[in-house]
Amino acid sequence: MMRRKFTQIFFYILFFFNFSFVEAIETKIIAMVNNEPITTYELKNKIITNLILSNQNINQEIIDKSKNAAMNSLINIKLKKNEIKKYKIEARQTNIDSYLKRIASNDIESFKEKFINNSIDYQIFLNEIKTELAWQELIYSKYNDKVKIEDNMIKNELDELLKEENNHNEYKLSEIEIEITKENKQNKINQVLDEIKTFGFAETARKLSVSSTAIDSGNLGWVNEKSLSKEINEILIKMKINEISQPLTKLNIVSFFKITDKRSYKIDNKNIDELKKSLINRKTNELFKLYSNNYLSKIKNSSFIKFR
């Protein structure tokens, strides 16, 4: 039975005091997620880390606007941490190293210096990365047998594409995915749009997105238009580079997309294998995302979350 005591007074108090006050009480427990505490130290570290890594100016107004999103992110991290501990799953070191090299542009020592120079805790950040990567492995282990892509479906799509003579598009895409209910949908959408306006798309993806791409600022890389759904294509084809899409709703998930680059190509037998892999990856990722989001929602609804 879900039990949540969401005390609005806590947020009013926390938002009212300035950041120097938060520093003074940095060891205070402000929430419990099952048996996992969330402290003011973690909240402060989460906010400042997000701002530093996204090259944002740090002032009281931006800090205040960041608190809700940072708190929600910490709650999700604690829920995932509990679950991966239950199944005794740890992130693979090769995956951790690969991710760190990517976000640090292969200069991990300089990346760590950002944390030292700004008095933020690198170990907390690293533990969050390990949790997210371990969560991905948990979802894979639980649902891999259920994720089946029919060969005939892929073959039929490829055959149709080879008949077309027109050039096709590839997009360099980023995404944000958020969970919604019927009651909070518009408020959630407005929150994402406000965050994007204030902090930018990449930072908002890191803070709010429930997609596995959140740890990489929502980056999807180069995506073939034919590997995307019809709904998404109809949105992207009207967009310009660096433009952000209108929200797209599917079940309890709302998605936002940003095009950072675009190129065209012609489908032929030389690139058909690459396109086939892209189609399979897209359909596979969609299914894993669905299972991941549903699983997180399920454990959140059955967890004890109390704010102090």
Protein backbone atom coordinates (compact mmCIF):
# COMPACT_ATOMS: atom_id res chain seq x y z
CA MET A 1 0.00 0.00 0.00
CA MET A 2 1.49 3.29 -1.05
CA ARG A 3 2.05 5.76 1.72
CA ARG A 4 3.33 9.25 0.97
CA LYS A 5 3.48 12.23 3.24
CA PHE A 6 4.30 15.10 0.95
CA THR A 7 4.68 18.07 3.26
CA GLN A 8 4.38 21.32 1.38
CA ILE A 9 5.69 23.20 4.42
CA PHE A 10 9.03 21.48 3.90
CA PHE A 11 9.35 22.90 0.41
CA TYR A 12 8.29 26.39 1.48
CA ILE A 13 10.91 26.36 4.24
CA LEU A 14 13.63 24.95 2.00
CA PHE A 15 12.86 27.41 -0.77
CA PHE A 16 12.64 30.37 1.58
CA PHE A 17 16.09 30.11 3.08
CA ASN A 18 19.07 31.10 0.97
CA PHE A 19 21.79 28.75 -0.12
CA SER A 20 24.13 29.63 2.73
CA PHE A 21 21.49 28.28 5.10
CA VAL A 22 21.35 25.01 3.17
CA GLU A 23 25.12 24.72 3.52
CA ALA A 24 24.79 25.20 7.28
CA ILE A 25 22.39 22.24 7.63
CA GLU A 26 23.96 20.03 4.98
CA THR A 27 23.74 16.86 7.07
CA LYS A 28 20.01 17.19 7.79
CA ILE A 29 17.77 14.36 6.53
CA ILE A 30 14.96 15.90 4.50
CA ALA A 31 13.28 12.79 3.09
CA MET A 32 13.17 9.01 3.40
CA VAL A 33 12.68 6.70 0.42
CA ASN A 34 11.95 3.38 2.05
CA ASN A 35 15.09 3.00 4.19
CA GLU A 36 17.24 5.36 2.11
CA PRO A 37 17.68 8.93 3.43
CA ILE A 38 18.00 12.03 1.28
CA THR A 39 20.00 14.81 2.93
CA THR A 40 20.38 18.51 2.32
CA TYR A 41 24.00 17.76 1.42
CA GLU A 42 22.87 15.47 -1.41
CA LEU A 43 20.29 17.98 -2.60
CA LYS A 44 22.82 20.82 -2.62
CA ASN A 45 25.38 18.63 -4.39
CA LYS A 46 22.82 17.52 -6.99
CA ILE A 47 21.77 21.08 -7.81
CA ILE A 48 25.28 22.53 -8.05
CA THR A 49 26.60 19.54 -10.00
CA ASN A 50 23.81 19.93 -12.56
CA LEU A 51 24.46 23.65 -12.91
CA ILE A 52 28.24 23.31 -13.20
CA LEU A 53 28.10 20.52 -15.78
CA SER A 54 25.65 22.51 -17.90
CA ASN A 55 27.75 25.71 -17.60
CA GLN A 56 24.94 27.60 -15.88
CA ASN A 57 25.35 30.70 -13.77
CA ILE A 58 24.74 29.97 -10.10
CA ASN A 59 22.44 32.34 -8.26
CA GLN A 60 19.63 32.02 -5.76
CA GLU A 61 16.85 32.27 -8.36
CA ILE A 62 18.26 29.41 -10.46
CA ILE A 63 18.95 27.31 -7.35
CA ASP A 64 15.34 27.72 -6.20
CA LYS A 65 14.01 26.73 -9.62
CA SER A 66 16.21 23.63 -9.58
CA LYS A 67 15.14 22.19 -6.22
CA ASN A 68 11.97 20.34 -7.23
CA ALA A 69 13.60 18.64 -10.22
CA ALA A 70 16.70 17.73 -8.20
CA MET A 71 14.57 16.26 -5.42
CA ASN A 72 12.53 14.17 -7.87
CA SER A 73 15.74 12.92 -9.45
CA LEU A 74 17.15 11.92 -6.06
CA ILE A 75 13.96 10.03 -5.23
CA ASN A 76 14.22 8.05 -8.46
CA ILE A 77 17.88 7.32 -7.79
CA LYS A 78 17.09 5.98 -4.31
CA LEU A 79 14.30 3.79 -5.69
CA LYS A 80 16.60 2.38 -8.35
CA LYS A 81 19.39 1.89 -5.82
CA ASN A 82 17.09 -0.17 -3.58
CA GLU A 83 16.03 -2.32 -6.49
CA ILE A 84 19.49 -3.07 -7.85
CA LYS A 85 20.66 -3.95 -4.32
CA LYS A 86 17.75 -6.37 -4.01
CA TYR A 87 18.86 -8.16 -7.19
CA LYS A 88 22.59 -7.75 -6.38
CA ILE A 89 23.35 -6.07 -9.70
CA GLU A 90 26.34 -3.79 -10.23
CA ALA A 91 27.25 -1.69 -13.23
CA ARG A 92 30.02 -3.08 -15.38
CA GLN A 93 33.26 -1.16 -15.07
CA THR A 94 33.66 -1.02 -18.86
CA ASN A 95 30.28 0.73 -19.13
CA ILE A 96 31.20 3.18 -16.38
CA ASP A 97 34.52 4.00 -18.01
CA SER A 98 32.92 4.39 -21.43
CA TYR A 99 30.27 6.77 -20.11
CA LEU A 100 32.76 8.89 -18.18
CA LYS A 101 35.07 9.18 -21.17
CA ARG A 102 32.17 10.31 -23.33
CA ILE A 103 30.91 13.05 -21.02
CA ALA A 104 34.46 14.13 -20.13
CA SER A 105 35.60 14.25 -23.78
CA ASN A 106 38.27 11.66 -22.90
CA ASP A 107 39.81 13.95 -20.25
CA ILE A 108 38.53 12.49 -16.98
CA GLU A 109 41.14 14.25 -14.80
CA SER A 110 40.07 17.70 -16.02
CA PHE A 111 36.46 16.63 -15.55
CA LYS A 112 37.15 15.70 -11.92
CA GLU A 113 38.82 19.08 -11.38
CA LYS A 114 35.47 20.76 -12.02
CA PHE A 115 34.16 19.06 -8.90
CA ILE A 116 37.21 20.00 -6.80
CA ASN A 117 37.21 23.61 -7.98
CA ASN A 118 33.51 24.01 -7.21
CA SER A 119 33.50 22.10 -3.91
CA ILE A 120 31.08 19.43 -5.11
CA ASP A 121 31.25 15.72 -4.41
CA TYR A 122 32.48 13.68 -7.38
CA GLN A 123 31.84 10.39 -5.58
CA ILE A 124 28.12 11.13 -5.25
CA PHE A 125 27.97 11.90 -8.97
CA LEU A 126 29.87 8.70 -9.77
CA ASN A 127 27.58 6.61 -7.57
CA GLU A 128 24.55 8.00 -9.38
CA ILE A 129 26.06 7.01 -12.71
CA LYS A 130 26.73 3.50 -11.39
CA THR A 131 23.12 3.28 -10.19
CA GLU A 132 21.69 4.37 -13.55
CA LEU A 133 23.88 1.96 -15.50
CA ALA A 134 23.09 -0.89 -13.10
CA TRP A 135 19.38 -0.07 -13.47
CA GLN A 136 19.71 -0.47 -17.24
CA GLU A 137 21.29 -3.88 -16.70
CA LEU A 138 18.47 -4.83 -14.33
CA ILE A 139 15.81 -3.87 -16.88
CA TYR A 140 17.68 -5.81 -19.56
CA SER A 141 17.92 -8.92 -17.38
CA LYS A 142 14.25 -8.79 -16.40
CA TYR A 143 12.74 -8.08 -19.81
CA ASN A 144 15.21 -9.25 -22.43
CA ASP A 145 13.21 -12.42 -23.10
CA LYS A 146 10.09 -10.32 -23.71
CA VAL A 147 11.70 -7.96 -26.21
CA LYS A 148 11.31 -9.72 -29.52
CA ILE A 149 11.47 -7.98 -32.90
CA GLU A 150 9.93 -10.00 -35.71
CA ASP A 151 12.27 -10.54 -38.67
CA ASN A 152 9.41 -10.43 -41.16
CA MET A 153 8.32 -7.01 -39.92
CA ILE A 154 11.83 -5.59 -40.39
CA LYS A 155 12.21 -7.26 -43.79
CA ASN A 156 8.92 -5.84 -45.04
CA GLU A 157 9.87 -2.32 -43.93
CA LEU A 158 13.25 -2.58 -45.66
CA ASP A 159 11.71 -3.89 -48.88
CA GLU A 160 9.36 -0.91 -48.97
CA LEU A 161 12.21 1.51 -48.39
CA LEU A 162 14.28 0.07 -51.25
CA LYS A 163 11.40 0.76 -53.63
CA GLU A 164 11.52 4.47 -52.82
CA GLU A 165 13.64 6.72 -55.00
CA ASN A 166 13.60 9.90 -52.88
CA ASN A 167 16.39 10.98 -50.56
CA HIS A 168 15.83 10.43 -46.85
CA ASN A 169 16.81 12.31 -43.72
CA GLU A 170 18.99 11.50 -40.76
CA TYR A 171 18.66 13.57 -37.60
CA LYS A 172 21.08 14.14 -34.77
CA LEU A 173 18.55 14.00 -31.95
CA SER A 174 18.18 14.58 -28.25
CA GLU A 175 15.13 13.62 -26.21
CA ILE A 176 13.36 14.27 -22.94
CA GLU A 177 10.76 11.84 -21.62
CA ILE A 178 8.57 12.50 -18.59
CA GLU A 179 5.94 10.46 -16.82
CA ILE A 180 2.49 12.03 -16.55
CA THR A 181 -0.98 11.35 -15.26
CA LYS A 182 -4.22 12.70 -16.65
CA GLU A 183 -4.36 15.18 -13.79
CA ASN A 184 -0.81 16.55 -13.91
CA LYS A 185 -0.07 16.36 -17.64
CA GLN A 186 -0.23 20.08 -18.45
CA ASN A 187 1.64 21.09 -15.30
CA LYS A 188 4.41 18.62 -16.10
CA ILE A 189 4.66 19.86 -19.68
CA ASN A 190 4.82 23.46 -18.49
CA GLN A 191 7.55 22.53 -16.01
CA VAL A 192 9.68 20.96 -18.76
CA LEU A 193 9.24 23.98 -21.04
CA ASP A 194 10.17 26.36 -18.20
CA GLU A 195 13.24 24.28 -17.36
CA ILE A 196 14.36 24.21 -21.00
CA LYS A 197 13.96 27.98 -21.21
CA THR A 198 15.99 28.50 -18.03
CA PHE A 199 18.61 25.74 -18.18
CA GLY A 200 18.63 24.45 -21.76
CA PHE A 201 17.59 21.13 -23.28
CA ALA A 202 20.60 19.04 -22.22
CA GLU A 203 20.42 20.04 -18.55
CA THR A 204 16.65 19.53 -18.46
CA ALA A 205 17.12 16.05 -19.89
CA ARG A 206 19.62 15.22 -17.13
CA LYS A 207 17.31 16.59 -14.44
CA LEU A 208 13.84 15.49 -15.53
CA SER A 209 13.96 12.79 -18.20
CA VAL A 210 13.03 9.25 -17.21
CA SER A 211 14.67 7.86 -20.34
CA SER A 212 17.94 5.95 -20.07
CA THR A 213 19.45 8.70 -22.28
CA ALA A 214 19.13 11.17 -19.38
CA ILE A 215 22.63 10.29 -18.13
CA ASP A 216 23.95 11.43 -21.53
CA SER A 217 21.94 14.70 -21.62
CA GLY A 218 19.22 13.03 -23.70
CA ASN A 219 21.57 12.37 -26.61
CA LEU A 220 20.27 9.83 -29.16
CA GLY A 221 22.99 10.41 -31.74
CA TRP A 222 22.29 10.13 -35.47
CA VAL A 223 18.90 8.57 -36.14
CA ASN A 224 17.54 7.50 -39.51
CA GLU A 225 14.08 8.91 -40.18
CA LYS A 226 12.91 5.51 -41.36
CA SER A 227 13.77 3.99 -38.02
CA LEU A 228 11.39 6.43 -36.32
CA SER A 229 7.66 6.12 -35.87
CA LYS A 230 5.31 7.94 -38.22
CA GLU A 231 4.17 10.23 -35.41
CA ILE A 232 7.70 11.35 -34.60
CA ASN A 233 8.61 11.81 -38.28
CA GLU A 234 5.62 14.06 -38.83
CA ILE A 235 6.90 16.28 -36.03
CA LEU A 236 10.59 16.28 -37.02
CA ILE A 237 10.08 16.98 -40.72
CA LYS A 238 8.62 20.40 -39.85
CA MET A 239 11.43 21.34 -37.46
CA LYS A 240 14.61 23.34 -37.97
CA ILE A 241 18.03 22.65 -36.44
CA ASN A 242 18.11 23.52 -32.70
CA GLU A 243 14.34 23.74 -32.61
CA ILE A 244 12.45 21.89 -29.86
CA SER A 245 9.39 19.85 -30.74
CA GLN A 246 5.89 20.10 -29.41
CA PRO A 247 5.22 17.44 -26.76
CA LEU A 248 4.25 14.01 -28.03
CA THR A 249 2.11 11.88 -25.71
CA LYS A 250 2.09 8.09 -25.75
CA LEU A 251 0.35 6.31 -22.89
CA ASN A 252 1.76 7.85 -19.68
CA ILE A 253 4.90 9.31 -21.31
CA VAL A 254 5.35 12.73 -22.90
CA SER A 255 8.37 13.17 -25.18
CA PHE A 256 10.20 16.27 -26.41
CA PHE A 257 12.80 16.22 -29.18
CA LYS A 258 15.55 18.57 -30.29
CA ILE A 259 17.33 18.41 -33.66
CA THR A 260 20.97 19.43 -33.35
CA ASP A 261 21.95 18.51 -36.92
CA LYS A 262 20.45 17.05 -40.07
CA ARG A 263 21.66 15.36 -43.28
CA SER A 264 20.15 13.55 -46.25
CA TYR A 265 21.03 10.27 -47.95
CA LYS A 266 19.68 7.79 -50.48
CA ILE A 267 18.81 4.23 -49.45
CA ASP A 268 20.57 1.54 -51.45
CA ASN A 269 22.07 -1.89 -50.91
CA LYS A 270 25.24 -0.28 -49.50
CA ASN A 271 23.55 1.15 -46.43
CA ILE A 272 20.66 -1.29 -46.04
CA ASP A 273 22.45 -3.25 -43.28
CA GLU A 274 23.01 -0.07 -41.30
CA LEU A 275 19.36 0.88 -41.71
CA LYS A 276 18.27 -2.60 -40.62
CA LYS A 277 20.31 -2.26 -37.42
CA SER A 278 18.81 1.18 -36.85
CA LEU A 279 15.26 -0.14 -37.21
CA ILE A 280 15.92 -3.02 -34.83
CA ASN A 281 17.61 -0.74 -32.29
CA ARG A 282 14.76 1.77 -32.36
CA LYS A 283 12.07 -0.85 -31.82
CA THR A 284 14.14 -2.60 -29.15
CA ASN A 285 14.86 0.63 -27.28
CA GLU A 286 11.20 1.62 -27.36
CA LEU A 287 10.24 -1.63 -25.68
CA PHE A 288 12.98 -1.41 -23.04
CA LYS A 289 11.99 2.20 -22.29
CA LEU A 290 8.40 1.15 -21.83
CA TYR A 291 9.36 -1.66 -19.44
CA SER A 292 11.76 0.62 -17.54
CA ASN A 293 9.21 3.39 -17.07
CA ASN A 294 6.47 1.00 -16.03
CA TYR A 295 8.74 -0.82 -13.60
CA LEU A 296 9.90 2.42 -11.95
CA SER A 297 6.30 3.62 -11.64
CA LYS A 298 5.32 0.32 -10.07
CA ILE A 299 8.01 0.38 -7.39
CA LYS A 300 7.40 4.09 -6.72
CA ASN A 301 3.71 3.45 -6.11
CA SER A 302 4.49 0.70 -3.62
CA SER A 303 7.26 2.58 -1.79
CA PHE A 304 7.25 4.60 1.42
CA ILE A 305 8.28 8.16 0.57
CA LYS A 306 8.18 10.64 3.42
CA PHE A 307 9.34 14.24 3.51
CA ARG A 308 10.56 15.70 6.80
